[in-house]
């Protein structure tokens, strides 16, 4: 259960996550949480490795085009 003290913090994290998704910045914290919960046997990439891999995938797939 979320307390009234945690609610603003939780809302702020969701706002930051949404803003990152809108501008195309990958969410490392969500990646780590997913990997640890669903794939504990896999090694976790460093933040730099994660960011480089996501940017390479985005540009390789043609994503990120504005027009």
PDB file of N, CA and C in Angstrom:
ATOM      1  N   UNK A   1       0.837  -1.178   0.000  1.00  0.00           N
ATOM      2  CA  UNK A   1       0.000   0.000   0.000  1.00  0.00           C
ATOM      3  C   UNK A   1       0.886   1.247   0.000  1.00  0.00           C
ATOM      4  N   UNK A   2       0.518   2.204  -0.808  1.00  0.00           N
ATOM      5  CA  UNK A   2       1.283   3.438  -0.924  1.00  0.00           C
ATOM      6  C   UNK A   2       0.820   4.435   0.132  1.00  0.00           C
ATOM      7  N   UNK A   3       1.766   4.994   0.861  1.00  0.00           N
ATOM      8  CA  UNK A   3       1.413   5.999   1.866  1.00  0.00           C
ATOM      9  C   UNK A   3       1.346   7.367   1.206  1.00  0.00           C
ATOM     10  N   UNK A   4       0.759   8.314   1.895  1.00  0.00           N
ATOM     11  CA  UNK A   4       0.618   9.659   1.343  1.00  0.00           C
ATOM     12  C   UNK A   4       1.966  10.328   1.132  1.00  0.00           C
ATOM     13  N   UNK A   5       2.981   9.906   1.885  1.00  0.00           N
ATOM     14  CA  UNK A   5       4.323  10.462   1.727  1.00  0.00           C
ATOM     15  C   UNK A   5       4.965   9.940   0.439  1.00  0.00           C
ATOM     16  N   UNK A   6       4.693   8.687   0.090  1.00  0.00           N
ATOM     17  CA  UNK A   6       5.299   8.081  -1.097  1.00  0.00           C
ATOM     18  C   UNK A   6       4.631   8.514  -2.387  1.00  0.00           C
ATOM     19  N   UNK A   7       3.387   8.971  -2.318  1.00  0.00           N
ATOM     20  CA  UNK A   7       2.630   9.290  -3.528  1.00  0.00           C
ATOM     21  C   UNK A   7       3.293  10.342  -4.422  1.00  0.00           C
ATOM     22  N   UNK A   8       3.751  11.494  -3.884  1.00  0.00           N
ATOM     23  CA  UNK A   8       4.415  12.462  -4.769  1.00  0.00           C
ATOM     24  C   UNK A   8       5.668  11.900  -5.430  1.00  0.00           C
ATOM     25  N   UNK A   9       6.448  11.115  -4.664  1.00  0.00           N
ATOM     26  CA  UNK A   9       7.655  10.515  -5.218  1.00  0.00           C
ATOM     27  C   UNK A   9       7.316   9.558  -6.338  1.00  0.00           C
ATOM     28  N   UNK A  10       6.289   8.735  -6.109  1.00  0.00           N
ATOM     29  CA  UNK A  10       5.865   7.760  -7.112  1.00  0.00           C
ATOM     30  C   UNK A  10       5.380   8.475  -8.370  1.00  0.00           C
ATOM     31  N   UNK A  11       4.608   9.542  -8.183  1.00  0.00           N
ATOM     32  CA  UNK A  11       4.126  10.320  -9.319  1.00  0.00           C
ATOM     33  C   UNK A  11       5.258  10.952 -10.105  1.00  0.00           C
ATOM     34  N   UNK A  12       6.248  11.472  -9.383  1.00  0.00           N
ATOM     35  CA  UNK A  12       7.402  12.091 -10.032  1.00  0.00           C
ATOM     36  C   UNK A  12       8.159  11.074 -10.871  1.00  0.00           C
ATOM     37  N   UNK A  13       8.361   9.866 -10.337  1.00  0.00           N
ATOM     38  CA  UNK A  13       9.066   8.820 -11.096  1.00  0.00           C
ATOM     39  C   UNK A  13       8.300   8.470 -12.362  1.00  0.00           C
ATOM     40  N   UNK A  14       6.980   8.381 -12.260  1.00  0.00           N
ATOM     41  CA  UNK A  14       6.174   8.062 -13.439  1.00  0.00           C
ATOM     42  C   UNK A  14       6.248   9.186 -14.467  1.00  0.00           C
ATOM     43  N   UNK A  15       6.253  10.434 -14.000  1.00  0.00           N
ATOM     44  CA  UNK A  15       6.372  11.568 -14.918  1.00  0.00           C
ATOM     45  C   UNK A  15       7.716  11.550 -15.641  1.00  0.00           C
ATOM     46  N   UNK A  16       8.776  11.268 -14.902  1.00  0.00           N
ATOM     47  CA  UNK A  16      10.113  11.207 -15.503  1.00  0.00           C
ATOM     48  C   UNK A  16      10.171  10.077 -16.523  1.00  0.00           C
ATOM     49  N   UNK A  17       9.637   8.915 -16.175  1.00  0.00           N
ATOM     50  CA  UNK A  17       9.630   7.775 -17.083  1.00  0.00           C
ATOM     51  C   UNK A  17       8.858   8.111 -18.361  1.00  0.00           C
ATOM     52  N   UNK A  18       7.707   8.762 -18.220  1.00  0.00           N
ATOM     53  CA  UNK A  18       6.900   9.134 -19.382  1.00  0.00           C
ATOM     54  C   UNK A  18       7.640  10.144 -20.257  1.00  0.00           C
ATOM     55  N   UNK A  19       8.275  11.117 -19.651  1.00  0.00           N
ATOM     56  CA  UNK A  19       9.031  12.111 -20.418  1.00  0.00           C
ATOM     57  C   UNK A  19      10.169  11.447 -21.189  1.00  0.00           C
ATOM     58  N   UNK A  20      10.846  10.516 -20.557  1.00  0.00           N
ATOM     59  CA  UNK A  20      11.935   9.811 -21.241  1.00  0.00           C
ATOM     60  C   UNK A  20      11.405   9.018 -22.431  1.00  0.00           C
ATOM     61  N   UNK A  21      10.270   8.362 -22.251  1.00  0.00           N
ATOM     62  CA  UNK A  21       9.681   7.611 -23.365  1.00  0.00           C
ATOM     63  C   UNK A  21       9.290   8.534 -24.510  1.00  0.00           C
ATOM     64  N   UNK A  22       8.766   9.706 -24.186  1.00  0.00           N
ATOM     65  CA  UNK A  22       8.318  10.637 -25.226  1.00  0.00           C
ATOM     66  C   UNK A  22       9.476  11.164 -26.058  1.00  0.00           C
ATOM     67  N   UNK A  23      10.623  11.372 -25.448  1.00  0.00           N
ATOM     68  CA  UNK A  23      11.755  11.895 -26.206  1.00  0.00           C
ATOM     69  C   UNK A  23      12.713  10.800 -26.663  1.00  0.00           C
ATOM     70  N   UNK A  24      12.401   9.552 -26.324  1.00  0.00           N
ATOM     71  CA  UNK A  24      13.190   8.433 -26.822  1.00  0.00           C
ATOM     72  C   UNK A  24      14.404   8.065 -25.997  1.00  0.00           C
ATOM     73  N   UNK A  25      14.453   8.469 -24.743  1.00  0.00           N
ATOM     74  CA  UNK A  25      15.569   8.106 -23.878  1.00  0.00           C
ATOM     75  C   UNK A  25      15.214   6.798 -23.176  1.00  0.00           C
ATOM     76  N   UNK A  26      16.032   5.769 -23.301  1.00  0.00           N
ATOM     77  CA  UNK A  26      15.726   4.495 -22.669  1.00  0.00           C
ATOM     78  C   UNK A  26      15.754   4.582 -21.146  1.00  0.00           C
ATOM     79  N   UNK A  27      14.963   3.741 -20.495  1.00  0.00           N
ATOM     80  CA  UNK A  27      14.825   3.753 -19.040  1.00  0.00           C
ATOM     81  C   UNK A  27      15.633   2.602 -18.431  1.00  0.00           C
ATOM     82  N   UNK A  28      16.822   2.920 -17.960  1.00  0.00           N
ATOM     83  CA  UNK A  28      17.728   1.907 -17.429  1.00  0.00           C
ATOM     84  C   UNK A  28      17.162   1.232 -16.181  1.00  0.00           C
ATOM     85  N   UNK A  29      16.546   2.005 -15.299  1.00  0.00           N
ATOM     86  CA  UNK A  29      16.009   1.434 -14.067  1.00  0.00           C
ATOM     87  C   UNK A  29      14.929   0.397 -14.364  1.00  0.00           C
ATOM     88  N   UNK A  30      14.062   0.679 -15.340  1.00  0.00           N
ATOM     89  CA  UNK A  30      13.017  -0.275 -15.719  1.00  0.00           C
ATOM     90  C   UNK A  30      13.644  -1.537 -16.323  1.00  0.00           C
ATOM     91  N   UNK A  31      14.693  -1.355 -17.105  1.00  0.00           N
ATOM     92  CA  UNK A  31      15.404  -2.493 -17.696  1.00  0.00           C
ATOM     93  C   UNK A  31      15.980  -3.402 -16.612  1.00  0.00           C
ATOM     94  N   UNK A  32      16.654  -2.802 -15.624  1.00  0.00           N
ATOM     95  CA  UNK A  32      17.264  -3.584 -14.550  1.00  0.00           C
ATOM     96  C   UNK A  32      16.193  -4.313 -13.745  1.00  0.00           C
ATOM     97  N   UNK A  33      15.108  -3.623 -13.410  1.00  0.00           N
ATOM     98  CA  UNK A  33      14.027  -4.250 -12.636  1.00  0.00           C
ATOM     99  C   UNK A  33      13.420  -5.419 -13.399  1.00  0.00           C
ATOM    100  N   UNK A  34      13.191  -5.245 -14.699  1.00  0.00           N
ATOM    101  CA  UNK A  34      12.624  -6.314 -15.519  1.00  0.00           C
ATOM    102  C   UNK A  34      13.584  -7.498 -15.586  1.00  0.00           C
ATOM    103  N   UNK A  35      14.841  -7.222 -15.839  1.00  0.00           N
ATOM    104  CA  UNK A  35      15.819  -8.298 -15.975  1.00  0.00           C
ATOM    105  C   UNK A  35      15.952  -9.098 -14.682  1.00  0.00           C
ATOM    106  N   UNK A  36      16.018  -8.425 -13.564  1.00  0.00           N
ATOM    107  CA  UNK A  36      16.150  -9.129 -12.284  1.00  0.00           C
ATOM    108  C   UNK A  36      14.904  -9.926 -11.940  1.00  0.00           C
ATOM    109  N   UNK A  37      13.727  -9.410 -12.311  1.00  0.00           N
ATOM    110  CA  UNK A  37      12.476 -10.102 -11.988  1.00  0.00           C
ATOM    111  C   UNK A  37      12.199 -11.266 -12.929  1.00  0.00           C
ATOM    112  N   UNK A  38      12.446 -11.078 -14.220  1.00  0.00           N
ATOM    113  CA  UNK A  38      12.048 -12.074 -15.215  1.00  0.00           C
ATOM    114  C   UNK A  38      13.179 -12.940 -15.749  1.00  0.00           C
ATOM    115  N   UNK A  39      14.412 -12.431 -15.718  1.00  0.00           N
ATOM    116  CA  UNK A  39      15.555 -13.144 -16.294  1.00  0.00           C
ATOM    117  C   UNK A  39      16.769 -13.059 -15.367  1.00  0.00           C
ATOM    118  N   UNK A  40      16.667 -13.582 -14.151  1.00  0.00           N
ATOM    119  CA  UNK A  40      17.769 -13.425 -13.189  1.00  0.00           C
ATOM    120  C   UNK A  40      19.072 -14.099 -13.619  1.00  0.00           C
ATOM    121  N   UNK A  41      18.991 -15.012 -14.567  1.00  0.00           N
ATOM    122  CA  UNK A  41      20.200 -15.708 -15.008  1.00  0.00           C
ATOM    123  C   UNK A  41      21.034 -14.866 -15.974  1.00  0.00           C
ATOM    124  N   UNK A  42      20.448 -13.847 -16.556  1.00  0.00           N
ATOM    125  CA  UNK A  42      21.162 -13.000 -17.521  1.00  0.00           C
ATOM    126  C   UNK A  42      21.973 -11.919 -16.808  1.00  0.00           C
ATOM    127  N   UNK A  43      23.143 -11.588 -17.367  1.00  0.00           N
ATOM    128  CA  UNK A  43      23.927 -10.499 -16.776  1.00  0.00           C
ATOM    129  C   UNK A  43      23.280  -9.147 -17.096  1.00  0.00           C
ATOM    130  N   UNK A  44      23.397  -8.212 -16.183  1.00  0.00           N
ATOM    131  CA  UNK A  44      22.845  -6.871 -16.365  1.00  0.00           C
ATOM    132  C   UNK A  44      23.903  -5.991 -17.012  1.00  0.00           C
ATOM    133  N   UNK A  45      23.537  -5.325 -18.111  1.00  0.00           N
ATOM    134  CA  UNK A  45      24.456  -4.412 -18.778  1.00  0.00           C
ATOM    135  C   UNK A  45      24.689  -3.183 -17.894  1.00  0.00           C
ATOM    136  N   UNK A  46      25.839  -2.574 -18.059  1.00  0.00           N
ATOM    137  CA  UNK A  46      26.078  -1.297 -17.381  1.00  0.00           C
ATOM    138  C   UNK A  46      25.180  -0.251 -18.026  1.00  0.00           C
ATOM    139  N   UNK A  47      25.057   0.892 -17.384  1.00  0.00           N
ATOM    140  CA  UNK A  47      24.229   1.972 -17.938  1.00  0.00           C
ATOM    141  C   UNK A  47      24.739   2.384 -19.319  1.00  0.00           C
ATOM    142  N   UNK A  48      26.034   2.481 -19.473  1.00  0.00           N
ATOM    143  CA  UNK A  48      26.621   2.893 -20.752  1.00  0.00           C
ATOM    144  C   UNK A  48      26.351   1.854 -21.838  1.00  0.00           C
ATOM    145  N   UNK A  49      26.523   0.564 -21.508  1.00  0.00           N
ATOM    146  CA  UNK A  49      26.256  -0.498 -22.475  1.00  0.00           C
ATOM    147  C   UNK A  49      24.782  -0.499 -22.882  1.00  0.00           C
ATOM    148  N   UNK A  50      23.911  -0.338 -21.905  1.00  0.00           N
ATOM    149  CA  UNK A  50      22.482  -0.311 -22.163  1.00  0.00           C
ATOM    150  C   UNK A  50      22.110   0.836 -23.099  1.00  0.00           C
ATOM    151  N   UNK A  51      22.597   2.030 -22.785  1.00  0.00           N
ATOM    152  CA  UNK A  51      22.281   3.206 -23.588  1.00  0.00           C
ATOM    153  C   UNK A  51      22.802   3.058 -25.016  1.00  0.00           C
ATOM    154  N   UNK A  52      24.043   2.597 -25.161  1.00  0.00           N
ATOM    155  CA  UNK A  52      24.620   2.403 -26.492  1.00  0.00           C
ATOM    156  C   UNK A  52      23.837   1.375 -27.294  1.00  0.00           C
ATOM    157  N   UNK A  53      23.448   0.269 -26.657  1.00  0.00           N
ATOM    158  CA  UNK A  53      22.694  -0.780 -27.342  1.00  0.00           C
ATOM    159  C   UNK A  53      21.327  -0.273 -27.783  1.00  0.00           C
ATOM    160  N   UNK A  54      20.638   0.459 -26.920  1.00  0.00           N
ATOM    161  CA  UNK A  54      19.313   0.975 -27.265  1.00  0.00           C
ATOM    162  C   UNK A  54      19.381   2.019 -28.364  1.00  0.00           C
ATOM    163  N   UNK A  55      20.385   2.873 -28.332  1.00  0.00           N
ATOM    164  CA  UNK A  55      20.525   3.881 -29.383  1.00  0.00           C
ATOM    165  C   UNK A  55      20.871   3.226 -30.718  1.00  0.00           C
ATOM    166  N   UNK A  56      21.726   2.213 -30.702  1.00  0.00           N
ATOM    167  CA  UNK A  56      22.076   1.504 -31.933  1.00  0.00           C
ATOM    168  C   UNK A  56      20.844   0.809 -32.512  1.00  0.00           C
ATOM    169  N   UNK A  57      20.046   0.185 -31.655  1.00  0.00           N
ATOM    170  CA  UNK A  57      18.825  -0.489 -32.108  1.00  0.00           C
ATOM    171  C   UNK A  57      17.832   0.518 -32.671  1.00  0.00           C
ATOM    172  N   UNK A  58      17.688   1.643 -32.011  1.00  0.00           N
ATOM    173  CA  UNK A  58      16.748   2.673 -32.468  1.00  0.00           C
ATOM    174  C   UNK A  58      17.134   3.200 -33.843  1.00  0.00           C
ATOM    175  N   UNK A  59      18.390   3.474 -34.053  1.00  0.00           N
ATOM    176  CA  UNK A  59      18.840   4.042 -35.327  1.00  0.00           C
ATOM    177  C   UNK A  59      18.890   2.985 -36.436  1.00  0.00           C
ATOM    178  N   UNK A  60      19.152   1.750 -36.061  1.00  0.00           N
ATOM    179  CA  UNK A  60      19.189   0.664 -37.035  1.00  0.00           C
ATOM    180  C   UNK A  60      17.797   0.369 -37.582  1.00  0.00           C
ATOM    181  N   UNK A  61      16.768   0.496 -36.721  1.00  0.00           N
ATOM    182  CA  UNK A  61      15.404   0.162 -37.139  1.00  0.00           C
ATOM    183  C   UNK A  61      14.709   1.309 -37.850  1.00  0.00           C
ATOM    184  N   UNK A  62      15.365   2.441 -37.989  1.00  0.00           N
ATOM    185  CA  UNK A  62      14.742   3.574 -38.651  1.00  0.00           C
ATOM    186  C   UNK A  62      13.908   4.411 -37.699  1.00  0.00           C
ATOM    187  N   UNK A  63      13.894   4.056 -36.426  1.00  0.00           N
ATOM    188  CA  UNK A  63      13.146   4.838 -35.458  1.00  0.00           C
ATOM    189  C   UNK A  63      13.801   6.179 -35.212  1.00  0.00           C
ATOM    190  N   UNK A  64      13.055   7.094 -34.668  1.00  0.00           N
ATOM    191  CA  UNK A  64      13.612   8.389 -34.354  1.00  0.00           C
ATOM    192  C   UNK A  64      13.535   9.383 -35.491  1.00  0.00           C
ATOM    193  N   UNK A  65      12.942   8.958 -36.608  1.00  0.00           N
ATOM    194  CA  UNK A  65      12.774   9.913 -37.716  1.00  0.00           C
ATOM    195  C   UNK A  65      11.690  10.909 -37.355  1.00  0.00           C
ATOM    196  N   UNK A  66      11.935  12.172 -37.577  1.00  0.00           N
ATOM    197  CA  UNK A  66      10.921  13.158 -37.232  1.00  0.00           C
ATOM    198  C   UNK A  66       9.983  13.435 -38.406  1.00  0.00           C
ATOM    199  N   UNK A  67      10.380  13.128 -39.601  1.00  0.00           N
ATOM    200  CA  UNK A  67       9.539  13.454 -40.768  1.00  0.00           C
ATOM    201  C   UNK A  67       9.337  12.241 -41.676  1.00  0.00           C
TER     202      UNK A  67
END
